Amino acid sequence: EDSTVAKTDEQWREELSPAEYQVLRQAGTERPFTGEY
């Protein structure tokens, strides 16, 4: 409720790649030692 960026699920799906969406919006986890940073 207090977040400043409010988007629909459809908007997030359009803006994020499937992998980004899975982690950022569905609380997924990328495999260890594979991420960019």
PDB file of all heavy atoms in Angstrom:
ATOM      1  N   GLU A   1       0.797  -1.230   0.000  1.00  0.00           N
ATOM      2  CA  GLU A   1       0.000   0.000   0.000  1.00  0.00           C
ATOM      3  C   GLU A   1       0.825   1.273   0.000  1.00  0.00           C
ATOM      4  O   GLU A   1       0.407   2.267  -0.561  1.00  0.00           O
ATOM      5  CB  GLU A   1      -0.928   0.094   1.212  1.00  0.00           C
ATOM      6  CG  GLU A   1      -1.423  -1.161   1.771  1.00  0.00           C
ATOM      7  CD  GLU A   1      -2.321  -0.998   2.966  1.00  0.00           C
ATOM      8  OE1 GLU A   1      -2.096  -0.128   3.825  1.00  0.00           O
ATOM      9  OE2 GLU A   1      -3.262  -1.778   3.042  1.00  0.00           O
ATOM     10  N   ASP A   2       1.971   1.275   0.646  1.00  0.00           N
ATOM     11  CA  ASP A   2       2.759   2.494   0.759  1.00  0.00           C
ATOM     12  C   ASP A   2       3.795   2.650  -0.355  1.00  0.00           C
ATOM     13  O   ASP A   2       4.544   3.605  -0.351  1.00  0.00           O
ATOM     14  CB  ASP A   2       3.472   2.539   2.115  1.00  0.00           C
ATOM     15  CG  ASP A   2       2.498   2.681   3.273  1.00  0.00           C
ATOM     16  OD1 ASP A   2       1.363   3.151   3.040  1.00  0.00           O
ATOM     17  OD2 ASP A   2       2.873   2.317   4.394  1.00  0.00           O
ATOM     18  N   SER A   3       3.850   1.712  -1.284  1.00  0.00           N
ATOM     19  CA  SER A   3       4.843   1.838  -2.348  1.00  0.00           C
ATOM     20  C   SER A   3       4.473   3.035  -3.228  1.00  0.00           C
ATOM     21  O   SER A   3       3.316   3.371  -3.393  1.00  0.00           O
ATOM     22  CB  SER A   3       4.938   0.556  -3.166  1.00  0.00           C
ATOM     23  OG  SER A   3       3.728   0.272  -3.817  1.00  0.00           O
ATOM     24  N   THR A   4       5.489   3.683  -3.768  1.00  0.00           N
ATOM     25  CA  THR A   4       5.260   4.882  -4.579  1.00  0.00           C
ATOM     26  C   THR A   4       5.061   4.560  -6.051  1.00  0.00           C
ATOM     27  O   THR A   4       4.565   5.386  -6.791  1.00  0.00           O
ATOM     28  CB  THR A   4       6.422   5.878  -4.415  1.00  0.00           C
ATOM     29  OG1 THR A   4       7.634   5.228  -4.786  1.00  0.00           O
ATOM     30  CG2 THR A   4       6.522   6.375  -2.985  1.00  0.00           C
ATOM     31  N   VAL A   5       5.467   3.371  -6.465  1.00  0.00           N
ATOM     32  CA  VAL A   5       5.290   2.952  -7.850  1.00  0.00           C
ATOM     33  C   VAL A   5       4.174   1.915  -7.878  1.00  0.00           C
ATOM     34  O   VAL A   5       4.331   0.826  -7.344  1.00  0.00           O
ATOM     35  CB  VAL A   5       6.594   2.346  -8.428  1.00  0.00           C
ATOM     36  CG1 VAL A   5       6.377   1.849  -9.838  1.00  0.00           C
ATOM     37  CG2 VAL A   5       7.722   3.354  -8.364  1.00  0.00           C
ATOM     38  N   ALA A   6       3.058   2.274  -8.468  1.00  0.00           N
ATOM     39  CA  ALA A   6       1.916   1.359  -8.535  1.00  0.00           C
ATOM     40  C   ALA A   6       1.640   1.012  -9.991  1.00  0.00           C
ATOM     41  O   ALA A   6       1.316   1.882 -10.795  1.00  0.00           O
ATOM     42  CB  ALA A   6       0.695   1.999  -7.896  1.00  0.00           C
ATOM     43  N   LYS A   7       1.811  -0.260 -10.318  1.00  0.00           N
ATOM     44  CA  LYS A   7       1.561  -0.739 -11.680  1.00  0.00           C
ATOM     45  C   LYS A   7       0.747  -2.018 -11.585  1.00  0.00           C
ATOM     46  O   LYS A   7       0.839  -2.750 -10.602  1.00  0.00           O
ATOM     47  CB  LYS A   7       2.882  -1.025 -12.403  1.00  0.00           C
ATOM     48  CG  LYS A   7       3.720   0.207 -12.634  1.00  0.00           C
ATOM     49  CD  LYS A   7       4.967  -0.121 -13.406  1.00  0.00           C
ATOM     50  CE  LYS A   7       5.806   1.141 -13.552  1.00  0.00           C
ATOM     51  NZ  LYS A   7       7.003   0.910 -14.344  1.00  0.00           N
ATOM     52  N   THR A   8       0.009  -2.289 -12.630  1.00  0.00           N
ATOM     53  CA  THR A   8      -0.740  -3.532 -12.679  1.00  0.00           C
ATOM     54  C   THR A   8       0.210  -4.673 -12.998  1.00  0.00           C
ATOM     55  O   THR A   8       1.322  -4.469 -13.511  1.00  0.00           O
ATOM     56  CB  THR A   8      -1.838  -3.471 -13.760  1.00  0.00           C
ATOM     57  OG1 THR A   8      -1.208  -3.374 -15.045  1.00  0.00           O
ATOM     58  CG2 THR A   8      -2.782  -2.301 -13.527  1.00  0.00           C
ATOM     59  N   ASP A   9      -0.262  -5.872 -12.749  1.00  0.00           N
ATOM     60  CA  ASP A   9       0.516  -7.059 -13.078  1.00  0.00           C
ATOM     61  C   ASP A   9       0.816  -7.080 -14.577  1.00  0.00           C
ATOM     62  O   ASP A   9       1.925  -7.427 -14.996  1.00  0.00           O
ATOM     63  CB  ASP A   9      -0.257  -8.307 -12.648  1.00  0.00           C
ATOM     64  CG  ASP A   9       0.583  -9.549 -12.729  1.00  0.00           C
ATOM     65  OD1 ASP A   9       1.659  -9.580 -12.105  1.00  0.00           O
ATOM     66  OD2 ASP A   9       0.175 -10.490 -13.431  1.00  0.00           O
ATOM     67  N   GLU A  10      -0.134  -6.678 -15.377  1.00  0.00           N
ATOM     68  CA  GLU A  10       0.054  -6.639 -16.831  1.00  0.00           C
ATOM     69  C   GLU A  10       1.161  -5.659 -17.216  1.00  0.00           C
ATOM     70  O   GLU A  10       1.995  -5.954 -18.083  1.00  0.00           O
ATOM     71  CB  GLU A  10      -1.260  -6.235 -17.513  1.00  0.00           C
ATOM     72  CG  GLU A  10      -1.199  -6.266 -19.022  1.00  0.00           C
ATOM     73  CD  GLU A  10      -2.544  -5.934 -19.652  1.00  0.00           C
ATOM     74  OE1 GLU A  10      -3.550  -6.546 -19.247  1.00  0.00           O
ATOM     75  OE2 GLU A  10      -2.560  -5.070 -20.544  1.00  0.00           O
ATOM     76  N   GLN A  11       1.194  -4.500 -16.581  1.00  0.00           N
ATOM     77  CA  GLN A  11       2.255  -3.522 -16.867  1.00  0.00           C
ATOM     78  C   GLN A  11       3.624  -4.073 -16.500  1.00  0.00           C
ATOM     79  O   GLN A  11       4.588  -3.902 -17.253  1.00  0.00           O
ATOM     80  CB  GLN A  11       1.986  -2.216 -16.108  1.00  0.00           C
ATOM     81  CG  GLN A  11       0.819  -1.423 -16.653  1.00  0.00           C
ATOM     82  CD  GLN A  11       0.465  -0.258 -15.752  1.00  0.00           C
ATOM     83  OE1 GLN A  11       0.325  -0.394 -14.539  1.00  0.00           O
ATOM     84  NE2 GLN A  11       0.333   0.921 -16.362  1.00  0.00           N
ATOM     85  N   TRP A  12       3.735  -4.738 -15.337  1.00  0.00           N
ATOM     86  CA  TRP A  12       5.023  -5.326 -14.950  1.00  0.00           C
ATOM     87  C   TRP A  12       5.456  -6.370 -15.968  1.00  0.00           C
ATOM     88  O   TRP A  12       6.620  -6.443 -16.349  1.00  0.00           O
ATOM     89  CB  TRP A  12       4.946  -5.954 -13.562  1.00  0.00           C
ATOM     90  CG  TRP A  12       4.928  -4.963 -12.433  1.00  0.00           C
ATOM     91  CD1 TRP A  12       3.948  -4.810 -11.496  1.00  0.00           C
ATOM     92  CD2 TRP A  12       5.934  -3.991 -12.105  1.00  0.00           C
ATOM     93  NE1 TRP A  12       4.279  -3.812 -10.616  1.00  0.00           N
ATOM     94  CE2 TRP A  12       5.491  -3.291 -10.968  1.00  0.00           C
ATOM     95  CE3 TRP A  12       7.160  -3.647 -12.664  1.00  0.00           C
ATOM     96  CZ2 TRP A  12       6.235  -2.276 -10.374  1.00  0.00           C
ATOM     97  CZ3 TRP A  12       7.906  -2.634 -12.076  1.00  0.00           C
ATOM     98  CH2 TRP A  12       7.437  -1.967 -10.946  1.00  0.00           C
ATOM     99  N   ARG A  13       4.522  -7.207 -16.422  1.00  0.00           N
ATOM    100  CA  ARG A  13       4.856  -8.251 -17.409  1.00  0.00           C
ATOM    101  C   ARG A  13       5.365  -7.645 -18.715  1.00  0.00           C
ATOM    102  O   ARG A  13       6.233  -8.216 -19.368  1.00  0.00           O
ATOM    103  CB  ARG A  13       3.653  -9.146 -17.671  1.00  0.00           C
ATOM    104  CG  ARG A  13       3.356 -10.112 -16.554  1.00  0.00           C
ATOM    105  CD  ARG A  13       2.191 -11.035 -16.933  1.00  0.00           C
ATOM    106  NE  ARG A  13       1.799 -11.873 -15.830  1.00  0.00           N
ATOM    107  CZ  ARG A  13       2.361 -13.047 -15.524  1.00  0.00           C
ATOM    108  NH1 ARG A  13       3.360 -13.498 -16.251  1.00  0.00           N
ATOM    109  NH2 ARG A  13       1.939 -13.749 -14.502  1.00  0.00           N
ATOM    110  N   GLU A  14       4.812  -6.501 -19.096  1.00  0.00           N
ATOM    111  CA  GLU A  14       5.245  -5.838 -20.332  1.00  0.00           C
ATOM    112  C   GLU A  14       6.635  -5.217 -20.187  1.00  0.00           C
ATOM    113  O   GLU A  14       7.407  -5.208 -21.140  1.00  0.00           O
ATOM    114  CB  GLU A  14       4.246  -4.744 -20.717  1.00  0.00           C
ATOM    115  CG  GLU A  14       2.923  -5.269 -21.223  1.00  0.00           C
ATOM    116  CD  GLU A  14       1.894  -4.170 -21.462  1.00  0.00           C
ATOM    117  OE1 GLU A  14       2.248  -2.976 -21.367  1.00  0.00           O
ATOM    118  OE2 GLU A  14       0.726  -4.516 -21.726  1.00  0.00           O
ATOM    119  N   GLU A  15       6.954  -4.721 -19.008  1.00  0.00           N
ATOM    120  CA  GLU A  15       8.214  -4.001 -18.797  1.00  0.00           C
ATOM    121  C   GLU A  15       9.394  -4.899 -18.437  1.00  0.00           C
ATOM    122  O   GLU A  15      10.536  -4.550 -18.715  1.00  0.00           O
ATOM    123  CB  GLU A  15       8.033  -2.966 -17.684  1.00  0.00           C
ATOM    124  CG  GLU A  15       7.114  -1.831 -18.074  1.00  0.00           C
ATOM    125  CD  GLU A  15       6.955  -0.818 -16.971  1.00  0.00           C
ATOM    126  OE1 GLU A  15       7.822  -0.759 -16.069  1.00  0.00           O
ATOM    127  OE2 GLU A  15       5.961  -0.077 -17.002  1.00  0.00           O
ATOM    128  N   LEU A  16       9.127  -6.014 -17.793  1.00  0.00           N
ATOM    129  CA  LEU A  16      10.202  -6.893 -17.315  1.00  0.00           C
ATOM    130  C   LEU A  16      10.336  -8.121 -18.209  1.00  0.00           C
ATOM    131  O   LEU A  16       9.349  -8.591 -18.776  1.00  0.00           O
ATOM    132  CB  LEU A  16       9.912  -7.338 -15.879  1.00  0.00           C
ATOM    133  CG  LEU A  16       9.751  -6.235 -14.832  1.00  0.00           C
ATOM    134  CD1 LEU A  16       9.253  -6.820 -13.515  1.00  0.00           C
ATOM    135  CD2 LEU A  16      11.059  -5.486 -14.630  1.00  0.00           C
ATOM    136  N   SER A  17      11.553  -8.649 -18.289  1.00  0.00           N
ATOM    137  CA  SER A  17      11.744  -9.916 -18.991  1.00  0.00           C
ATOM    138  C   SER A  17      11.076 -11.013 -18.156  1.00  0.00           C
ATOM    139  O   SER A  17      10.813 -10.821 -16.961  1.00  0.00           O
ATOM    140  CB  SER A  17      13.237 -10.219 -19.148  1.00  0.00           C
ATOM    141  OG  SER A  17      13.783 -10.592 -17.888  1.00  0.00           O
ATOM    142  N   PRO A  18      10.815 -12.177 -18.732  1.00  0.00           N
ATOM    143  CA  PRO A  18      10.223 -13.262 -17.937  1.00  0.00           C
ATOM    144  C   PRO A  18      11.053 -13.616 -16.693  1.00  0.00           C
ATOM    145  O   PRO A  18      10.498 -13.850 -15.621  1.00  0.00           O
ATOM    146  CB  PRO A  18      10.154 -14.429 -18.919  1.00  0.00           C
ATOM    147  CG  PRO A  18      10.007 -13.762 -20.254  1.00  0.00           C
ATOM    148  CD  PRO A  18      10.877 -12.524 -20.155  1.00  0.00           C
ATOM    149  N   ALA A  19      12.374 -13.630 -16.818  1.00  0.00           N
ATOM    150  CA  ALA A  19      13.229 -13.958 -15.669  1.00  0.00           C
ATOM    151  C   ALA A  19      13.163 -12.859 -14.609  1.00  0.00           C
ATOM    152  O   ALA A  19      13.099 -13.152 -13.401  1.00  0.00           O
ATOM    153  CB  ALA A  19      14.673 -14.170 -16.123  1.00  0.00           C
ATOM    154  N   GLU A  20      13.187 -11.597 -15.033  1.00  0.00           N
ATOM    155  CA  GLU A  20      13.071 -10.485 -14.088  1.00  0.00           C
ATOM    156  C   GLU A  20      11.721 -10.527 -13.381  1.00  0.00           C
ATOM    157  O   GLU A  20      11.646 -10.356 -12.165  1.00  0.00           O
ATOM    158  CB  GLU A  20      13.216  -9.144 -14.815  1.00  0.00           C
ATOM    159  CG  GLU A  20      14.597  -8.883 -15.346  1.00  0.00           C
ATOM    160  CD  GLU A  20      14.648  -7.711 -16.321  1.00  0.00           C
ATOM    161  OE1 GLU A  20      13.596  -7.252 -16.811  1.00  0.00           O
ATOM    162  OE2 GLU A  20      15.779  -7.262 -16.609  1.00  0.00           O
ATOM    163  N   TYR A  21      10.664 -10.778 -14.128  1.00  0.00           N
ATOM    164  CA  TYR A  21       9.322 -10.842 -13.555  1.00  0.00           C
ATOM    165  C   TYR A  21       9.243 -11.954 -12.511  1.00  0.00           C
ATOM    166  O   TYR A  21       8.689 -11.763 -11.431  1.00  0.00           O
ATOM    167  CB  TYR A  21       8.281 -11.063 -14.660  1.00  0.00           C
ATOM    168  CG  TYR A  21       6.875 -11.098 -14.133  1.00  0.00           C
ATOM    169  CD1 TYR A  21       6.159  -9.917 -13.946  1.00  0.00           C
ATOM    170  CD2 TYR A  21       6.271 -12.301 -13.793  1.00  0.00           C
ATOM    171  CE1 TYR A  21       4.867  -9.946 -13.435  1.00  0.00           C
ATOM    172  CE2 TYR A  21       4.991 -12.342 -13.282  1.00  0.00           C
ATOM    173  CZ  TYR A  21       4.287 -11.162 -13.106  1.00  0.00           C
ATOM    174  OH  TYR A  21       3.017 -11.199 -12.577  1.00  0.00           O
ATOM    175  N   GLN A  22       9.807 -13.101 -12.821  1.00  0.00           N
ATOM    176  CA  GLN A  22       9.749 -14.253 -11.902  1.00  0.00           C
ATOM    177  C   GLN A  22      10.407 -13.927 -10.572  1.00  0.00           C
ATOM    178  O   GLN A  22       9.901 -14.292  -9.518  1.00  0.00           O
ATOM    179  CB  GLN A  22      10.396 -15.476 -12.570  1.00  0.00           C
ATOM    180  CG  GLN A  22      10.070 -16.796 -11.924  1.00  0.00           C
ATOM    181  CD  GLN A  22      11.094 -17.225 -10.880  1.00  0.00           C
ATOM    182  OE1 GLN A  22      12.258 -16.834 -10.930  1.00  0.00           O
ATOM    183  NE2 GLN A  22      10.655 -18.018  -9.936  1.00  0.00           N
ATOM    184  N   VAL A  23      11.523 -13.227 -10.582  1.00  0.00           N
ATOM    185  CA  VAL A  23      12.209 -12.876  -9.337  1.00  0.00           C
ATOM    186  C   VAL A  23      11.560 -11.671  -8.670  1.00  0.00           C
ATOM    187  O   VAL A  23      11.177 -11.723  -7.497  1.00  0.00           O
ATOM    188  CB  VAL A  23      13.711 -12.611  -9.582  1.00  0.00           C
ATOM    189  CG1 VAL A  23      14.378 -12.016  -8.351  1.00  0.00           C
ATOM    190  CG2 VAL A  23      14.421 -13.901  -9.983  1.00  0.00           C
ATOM    191  N   LEU A  24      11.418 -10.583  -9.406  1.00  0.00           N
ATOM    192  CA  LEU A  24      10.956  -9.331  -8.818  1.00  0.00           C
ATOM    193  C   LEU A  24       9.494  -9.338  -8.403  1.00  0.00           C
ATOM    194  O   LEU A  24       9.136  -8.764  -7.367  1.00  0.00           O
ATOM    195  CB  LEU A  24      11.195  -8.184  -9.805  1.00  0.00           C
ATOM    196  CG  LEU A  24      12.656  -7.804 -10.018  1.00  0.00           C
ATOM    197  CD1 LEU A  24      12.838  -7.049 -11.323  1.00  0.00           C
ATOM    198  CD2 LEU A  24      13.158  -6.978  -8.849  1.00  0.00           C
ATOM    199  N   ARG A  25       8.628  -9.952  -9.180  1.00  0.00           N
ATOM    200  CA  ARG A  25       7.193  -9.871  -8.907  1.00  0.00           C
ATOM    201  C   ARG A  25       6.614 -11.153  -8.324  1.00  0.00           C
ATOM    202  O   ARG A  25       5.539 -11.148  -7.749  1.00  0.00           O
ATOM    203  CB  ARG A  25       6.428  -9.484 -10.177  1.00  0.00           C
ATOM    204  CG  ARG A  25       6.899  -8.193 -10.835  1.00  0.00           C
ATOM    205  CD  ARG A  25       7.022  -6.995  -9.919  1.00  0.00           C
ATOM    206  NE  ARG A  25       5.762  -6.661  -9.263  1.00  0.00           N
ATOM    207  CZ  ARG A  25       5.666  -5.813  -8.254  1.00  0.00           C
ATOM    208  NH1 ARG A  25       6.728  -5.210  -7.782  1.00  0.00           N
ATOM    209  NH2 ARG A  25       4.495  -5.572  -7.711  1.00  0.00           N
ATOM    210  N   GLN A  26       7.334 -12.292  -8.475  1.00  0.00           N
ATOM    211  CA  GLN A  26       6.831 -13.561  -7.952  1.00  0.00           C
ATOM    212  C   GLN A  26       7.739 -14.126  -6.867  1.00  0.00           C
ATOM    213  O   GLN A  26       7.604 -15.283  -6.495  1.00  0.00           O
ATOM    214  CB  GLN A  26       6.670 -14.577  -9.085  1.00  0.00           C
ATOM    215  CG  GLN A  26       5.612 -14.148 -10.097  1.00  0.00           C
ATOM    216  CD  GLN A  26       5.414 -15.168 -11.192  1.00  0.00           C
ATOM    217  OE1 GLN A  26       6.375 -15.711 -11.749  1.00  0.00           O
ATOM    218  NE2 GLN A  26       4.155 -15.448 -11.508  1.00  0.00           N
ATOM    219  N   ALA A  27       8.668 -13.320  -6.384  1.00  0.00           N
ATOM    220  CA  ALA A  27       9.562 -13.698  -5.276  1.00  0.00           C
ATOM    221  C   ALA A  27      10.394 -14.939  -5.585  1.00  0.00           C
ATOM    222  O   ALA A  27      10.658 -15.756  -4.708  1.00  0.00           O
ATOM    223  CB  ALA A  27       8.786 -13.871  -3.972  1.00  0.00           C
ATOM    224  N   GLY A  28      10.842 -15.045  -6.823  1.00  0.00           N
ATOM    225  CA  GLY A  28      11.707 -16.154  -7.196  1.00  0.00           C
ATOM    226  C   GLY A  28      13.150 -15.889  -6.795  1.00  0.00           C
ATOM    227  O   GLY A  28      13.481 -14.841  -6.238  1.00  0.00           O
ATOM    228  N   THR A  29      14.004 -16.850  -7.084  1.00  0.00           N
ATOM    229  CA  THR A  29      15.430 -16.733  -6.783  1.00  0.00           C
ATOM    230  C   THR A  29      16.235 -17.220  -7.971  1.00  0.00           C
ATOM    231  O   THR A  29      15.946 -18.288  -8.514  1.00  0.00           O
ATOM    232  CB  THR A  29      15.797 -17.587  -5.543  1.00  0.00           C
ATOM    233  OG1 THR A  29      15.016 -17.141  -4.435  1.00  0.00           O
ATOM    234  CG2 THR A  29      17.276 -17.470  -5.199  1.00  0.00           C
ATOM    235  N   GLU A  30      17.219 -16.418  -8.370  1.00  0.00           N
ATOM    236  CA  GLU A  30      18.093 -16.883  -9.448  1.00  0.00           C
ATOM    237  C   GLU A  30      19.077 -17.905  -8.870  1.00  0.00           C
ATOM    238  O   GLU A  30      19.329 -17.936  -7.669  1.00  0.00           O
ATOM    239  CB  GLU A  30      18.836 -15.710 -10.085  1.00  0.00           C
ATOM    240  CG  GLU A  30      19.810 -15.015  -9.157  1.00  0.00           C
ATOM    241  CD  GLU A  30      20.352 -13.705  -9.721  1.00  0.00           C
ATOM    242  OE1 GLU A  30      20.071 -13.367 -10.877  1.00  0.00           O
ATOM    243  OE2 GLU A  30      21.066 -13.022  -8.983  1.00  0.00           O
ATOM    244  N   ARG A  31      19.622 -18.735  -9.727  1.00  0.00           N
ATOM    245  CA  ARG A  31      20.582 -19.741  -9.286  1.00  0.00           C
ATOM    246  C   ARG A  31      21.850 -19.061  -8.771  1.00  0.00           C
ATOM    247  O   ARG A  31      22.273 -18.037  -9.305  1.00  0.00           O
ATOM    248  CB  ARG A  31      20.908 -20.695 -10.420  1.00  0.00           C
ATOM    249  CG  ARG A  31      19.740 -21.597 -10.772  1.00  0.00           C
ATOM    250  CD  ARG A  31      20.082 -22.692 -11.789  1.00  0.00           C
ATOM    251  NE  ARG A  31      21.436 -22.652 -12.289  1.00  0.00           N
ATOM    252  CZ  ARG A  31      21.749 -22.523 -13.578  1.00  0.00           C
ATOM    253  NH1 ARG A  31      20.825 -22.413 -14.493  1.00  0.00           N
ATOM    254  NH2 ARG A  31      23.012 -22.517 -13.946  1.00  0.00           N
ATOM    255  N   PRO A  32      22.488 -19.621  -7.743  1.00  0.00           N
ATOM    256  CA  PRO A  32      23.717 -19.021  -7.232  1.00  0.00           C
ATOM    257  C   PRO A  32      24.834 -19.047  -8.268  1.00  0.00           C
ATOM    258  O   PRO A  32      24.879 -19.927  -9.129  1.00  0.00           O
ATOM    259  CB  PRO A  32      24.070 -19.882  -6.016  1.00  0.00           C
ATOM    260  CG  PRO A  32      23.366 -21.175  -6.240  1.00  0.00           C
ATOM    261  CD  PRO A  32      22.134 -20.855  -7.038  1.00  0.00           C
ATOM    262  N   PHE A  33      25.717 -18.083  -8.165  1.00  0.00           N
ATOM    263  CA  PHE A  33      26.913 -17.959  -9.009  1.00  0.00           C
ATOM    264  C   PHE A  33      26.595 -17.759 -10.487  1.00  0.00           C
ATOM    265  O   PHE A  33      27.438 -18.010 -11.336  1.00  0.00           O
ATOM    266  CB  PHE A  33      27.854 -19.171  -8.823  1.00  0.00           C
ATOM    267  CG  PHE A  33      28.240 -19.411  -7.394  1.00  0.00           C
ATOM    268  CD1 PHE A  33      27.628 -20.411  -6.653  1.00  0.00           C
ATOM    269  CD2 PHE A  33      29.187 -18.616  -6.768  1.00  0.00           C
ATOM    270  CE1 PHE A  33      27.968 -20.630  -5.321  1.00  0.00           C
ATOM    271  CE2 PHE A  33      29.537 -18.824  -5.439  1.00  0.00           C
ATOM    272  CZ  PHE A  33      28.921 -19.830  -4.714  1.00  0.00           C
ATOM    273  N   THR A  34      25.382 -17.315 -10.811  1.00  0.00           N
ATOM    274  CA  THR A  34      25.012 -17.102 -12.211  1.00  0.00           C
ATOM    275  C   THR A  34      24.683 -15.638 -12.492  1.00  0.00           C
ATOM    276  O   THR A  34      24.675 -15.240 -13.649  1.00  0.00           O
ATOM    277  CB  THR A  34      23.780 -17.944 -12.611  1.00  0.00           C
ATOM    278  OG1 THR A  34      22.662 -17.556 -11.808  1.00  0.00           O
ATOM    279  CG2 THR A  34      24.050 -19.431 -12.445  1.00  0.00           C
ATOM    280  N   GLY A  35      24.411 -14.860 -11.482  1.00  0.00           N
ATOM    281  CA  GLY A  35      23.987 -13.479 -11.670  1.00  0.00           C
ATOM    282  C   GLY A  35      25.130 -12.555 -12.048  1.00  0.00           C
ATOM    283  O   GLY A  35      26.313 -12.837 -11.805  1.00  0.00           O
ATOM    284  N   GLU A  36      24.767 -11.447 -12.605  1.00  0.00           N
ATOM    285  CA  GLU A  36      25.724 -10.465 -13.120  1.00  0.00           C
ATOM    286  C   GLU A  36      26.612  -9.849 -12.031  1.00  0.00           C
ATOM    287  O   GLU A  36      27.760  -9.509 -12.288  1.00  0.00           O
ATOM    288  CB  GLU A  36      24.914  -9.370 -13.823  1.00  0.00           C
ATOM    289  CG  GLU A  36      25.705  -8.294 -14.477  1.00  0.00           C
ATOM    290  CD  GLU A  36      24.824  -7.293 -15.214  1.00  0.00           C
ATOM    291  OE1 GLU A  36      23.583  -7.413 -15.173  1.00  0.00           O
ATOM    292  OE2 GLU A  36      25.395  -6.383 -15.833  1.00  0.00           O
ATOM    293  N   TYR A  37      26.110  -9.690 -10.817  1.00  0.00           N
ATOM    294  CA  TYR A  37      26.837  -8.913  -9.805  1.00  0.00           C
ATOM    295  C   TYR A  37      27.348  -9.724  -8.613  1.00  0.00           C
ATOM    296  O   TYR A  37      27.894  -9.140  -7.682  1.00  0.00           O
ATOM    297  CB  TYR A  37      25.936  -7.790  -9.276  1.00  0.00           C
ATOM    298  CG  TYR A  37      25.407  -6.886 -10.357  1.00  0.00           C
ATOM    299  CD1 TYR A  37      24.040  -6.712 -10.527  1.00  0.00           C
ATOM    300  CD2 TYR A  37      26.271  -6.197 -11.211  1.00  0.00           C
ATOM    301  CE1 TYR A  37      23.553  -5.878 -11.520  1.00  0.00           C
ATOM    302  CE2 TYR A  37      25.781  -5.366 -12.207  1.00  0.00           C
ATOM    303  CZ  TYR A  37      24.421  -5.211 -12.353  1.00  0.00           C
ATOM    304  OH  TYR A  37      23.938  -4.390 -13.336  1.00  0.00           O
TER     305      TYR A  37
END
